Amino acid sequence: MAQARSSKDIRVEFDVRCDTPDGDIKVELFGDGVSRAEAASYTATSYVVIFGGWNNSLNILARMDEHAKDRVVGPVYKVTPGHIYRMKVERRGNAVAAWADNRQLVKLVDPDPLFGRGHDHFAFNNWQSDLWFDNLRITPL
């Protein structure tokens, strides 16, 4: 996990390629740097961004629980196997948003943004998908 520094407003950029037709590119922003899924469902300590989850059918952004009813579901935009996506995730104030190739996937407005001790790391993640990540850049805004 990469530490997200101490800025509340931050941009995370990276390249990712998925070679699995089911998609499921997942990252976690503002987590504790320790917690991880050890079963099919867990409550994260972060914002969870999923591009092409649930068999490449959903793009979501969740505050700690990707299965919760309060997660935000974005428009349909499927992961294409073999394509290298330039991903961007930003938090500005109480808004967190994610893009793939400059196309907004999802946006969440959080009245109580995650920040501080226990919410200061970034992690790459997946769910039974073959992913390759490169060119990570974390920029305080």
Protein backbone atom coordinates (compact mmCIF):
# COMPACT_ATOMS: atom_id res chain seq x y z
CA MET A 1 0.00 0.00 0.00
CA ALA A 2 1.15 3.51 -0.72
CA GLN A 3 0.67 6.17 1.92
CA ALA A 4 -1.58 8.98 0.67
CA ARG A 5 0.37 11.65 2.62
CA SER A 6 -1.54 14.12 4.76
CA SER A 7 -3.51 16.12 2.20
CA LYS A 8 -7.29 15.88 2.35
CA ASP A 9 -7.50 16.74 -1.35
CA ILE A 10 -5.58 14.26 -3.46
CA ARG A 11 -5.30 12.81 -6.97
CA VAL A 12 -4.20 9.23 -7.61
CA GLU A 13 -3.32 8.27 -11.19
CA PHE A 14 -2.17 4.94 -12.59
CA ASP A 15 -2.29 2.72 -15.64
CA VAL A 16 -4.02 -0.66 -15.46
CA ARG A 17 -4.60 -3.54 -17.82
CA CYS A 18 -7.07 -6.33 -17.17
CA ASP A 19 -6.72 -9.57 -19.09
CA THR A 20 -9.86 -11.12 -17.63
CA PRO A 21 -13.18 -10.73 -19.52
CA ASP A 22 -15.02 -10.34 -16.21
CA GLY A 23 -13.27 -7.02 -15.48
CA ASP A 24 -13.05 -6.03 -11.80
CA ILE A 25 -10.42 -3.35 -11.42
CA LYS A 26 -10.48 -2.29 -7.78
CA VAL A 27 -8.59 0.30 -5.71
CA GLU A 28 -8.98 1.59 -2.18
CA LEU A 29 -8.29 5.19 -1.20
CA PHE A 30 -7.88 6.52 2.36
CA GLY A 31 -7.66 3.12 4.05
CA ASP A 32 -5.67 2.01 7.10
CA GLY A 33 -2.93 0.18 5.17
CA VAL A 34 -3.51 -3.04 7.12
CA SER A 35 -7.07 -4.31 6.61
CA ARG A 36 -7.88 -6.66 3.75
CA ALA A 37 -10.58 -9.00 2.58
CA GLU A 38 -10.26 -12.51 3.94
CA ALA A 39 -13.74 -13.60 2.82
CA ALA A 40 -16.17 -12.75 0.00
CA SER A 41 -17.38 -9.67 1.86
CA TYR A 42 -15.66 -7.32 4.26
CA THR A 43 -15.95 -3.76 5.50
CA ALA A 44 -13.00 -1.74 4.24
CA THR A 45 -11.49 1.26 6.02
CA SER A 46 -11.42 3.20 2.76
CA TYR A 47 -13.32 4.42 -0.25
CA VAL A 48 -13.58 1.48 -2.65
CA VAL A 49 -13.61 2.16 -6.39
CA ILE A 50 -14.59 -0.75 -8.65
CA PHE A 51 -14.47 -0.56 -12.44
CA GLY A 52 -16.20 -3.49 -14.14
CA GLY A 53 -17.21 -5.31 -10.98
CA TRP A 54 -19.79 -8.06 -10.70
CA ASN A 55 -18.84 -9.76 -13.98
CA ASN A 56 -18.10 -6.46 -15.72
CA SER A 57 -21.61 -5.11 -15.08
CA LEU A 58 -21.10 -2.35 -12.46
CA ASN A 59 -18.89 0.62 -11.72
CA ILE A 60 -19.19 1.65 -8.09
CA LEU A 61 -17.73 3.92 -5.44
CA ALA A 62 -18.43 3.01 -1.84
CA ARG A 63 -17.59 4.42 1.54
CA MET A 64 -16.10 1.34 3.25
CA ASP A 65 -18.69 -1.26 2.19
CA GLU A 66 -18.93 -2.08 -1.53
CA HIS A 67 -22.07 -4.15 -0.90
CA ALA A 68 -23.95 -1.49 1.10
CA LYS A 69 -27.09 0.19 -0.18
CA ASP A 70 -25.45 3.63 0.06
CA ARG A 71 -22.77 2.83 -2.54
CA VAL A 72 -22.91 4.94 -5.70
CA VAL A 73 -23.33 3.11 -9.00
CA GLY A 74 -22.10 4.85 -12.15
CA PRO A 75 -23.12 4.44 -15.79
CA VAL A 76 -22.34 1.26 -17.69
CA TYR A 77 -18.81 1.30 -19.11
CA LYS A 78 -17.23 -2.12 -19.38
CA VAL A 79 -13.59 -3.11 -19.01
CA THR A 80 -12.12 -4.31 -22.32
CA PRO A 81 -9.57 -7.11 -21.82
CA GLY A 82 -6.06 -6.09 -22.90
CA HIS A 83 -6.80 -2.35 -23.00
CA ILE A 84 -4.51 -0.17 -20.88
CA TYR A 85 -6.64 2.34 -18.98
CA ARG A 86 -5.33 5.59 -17.52
CA MET A 87 -7.20 5.75 -14.22
CA LYS A 88 -7.66 8.78 -11.99
CA VAL A 89 -9.28 9.00 -8.56
CA GLU A 90 -9.64 12.36 -6.83
CA ARG A 91 -10.97 13.72 -3.61
CA ARG A 92 -11.74 17.43 -3.48
CA GLY A 93 -13.44 18.48 -0.27
CA ASN A 94 -16.21 16.00 0.41
CA ALA A 95 -16.42 14.66 -3.18
CA VAL A 96 -14.59 11.55 -4.42
CA ALA A 97 -14.68 10.71 -8.13
CA ALA A 98 -13.06 8.17 -10.45
CA TRP A 99 -12.29 8.24 -14.18
CA ALA A 100 -11.04 5.75 -16.77
CA ASP A 101 -9.44 7.29 -19.87
CA ASN A 102 -10.94 10.70 -18.91
CA ARG A 103 -14.45 9.22 -18.73
CA GLN A 104 -16.06 9.69 -15.33
CA LEU A 105 -17.08 6.34 -13.89
CA VAL A 106 -18.63 7.43 -10.62
CA LYS A 107 -18.80 10.24 -8.03
CA LEU A 108 -19.64 10.13 -4.32
CA VAL A 109 -20.32 13.06 -2.01
CA ASP A 110 -19.46 12.17 1.60
CA PRO A 111 -20.72 14.48 4.38
CA ASP A 112 -18.03 13.03 6.71
CA PRO A 113 -14.95 12.39 4.52
CA LEU A 114 -12.47 9.72 5.56
CA PHE A 115 -9.22 11.34 6.64
CA GLY A 116 -6.43 11.15 9.19
CA ARG A 117 -4.91 8.25 11.10
CA GLY A 118 -6.41 5.00 9.86
CA HIS A 119 -7.51 6.65 6.61
CA ASP A 120 -4.19 7.56 4.98
CA HIS A 121 -3.24 4.79 2.52
CA PHE A 122 -3.94 3.76 -1.06
CA ALA A 123 -4.12 0.12 -2.24
CA PHE A 124 -4.53 -1.82 -5.48
CA ASN A 125 -7.04 -4.63 -5.22
CA ASN A 126 -8.91 -7.16 -7.36
CA TRP A 127 -11.37 -10.01 -7.18
CA GLN A 128 -10.31 -13.06 -9.21
CA SER A 129 -9.00 -10.96 -12.11
CA ASP A 130 -5.60 -10.71 -13.78
CA LEU A 131 -4.47 -7.10 -13.44
CA TRP A 132 -1.25 -5.23 -14.20
CA PHE A 133 -0.64 -1.79 -12.70
CA ASP A 134 1.99 0.79 -13.67
CA ASN A 135 2.87 4.49 -13.48
CA LEU A 136 1.38 5.25 -10.06
CA ARG A 137 1.35 8.94 -9.15
CA ILE A 138 -0.14 10.35 -5.93
CA THR A 139 -0.47 14.15 -5.90
CA PRO A 140 -1.73 16.34 -3.04
CA LEU A 141 -4.07 19.00 -4.47
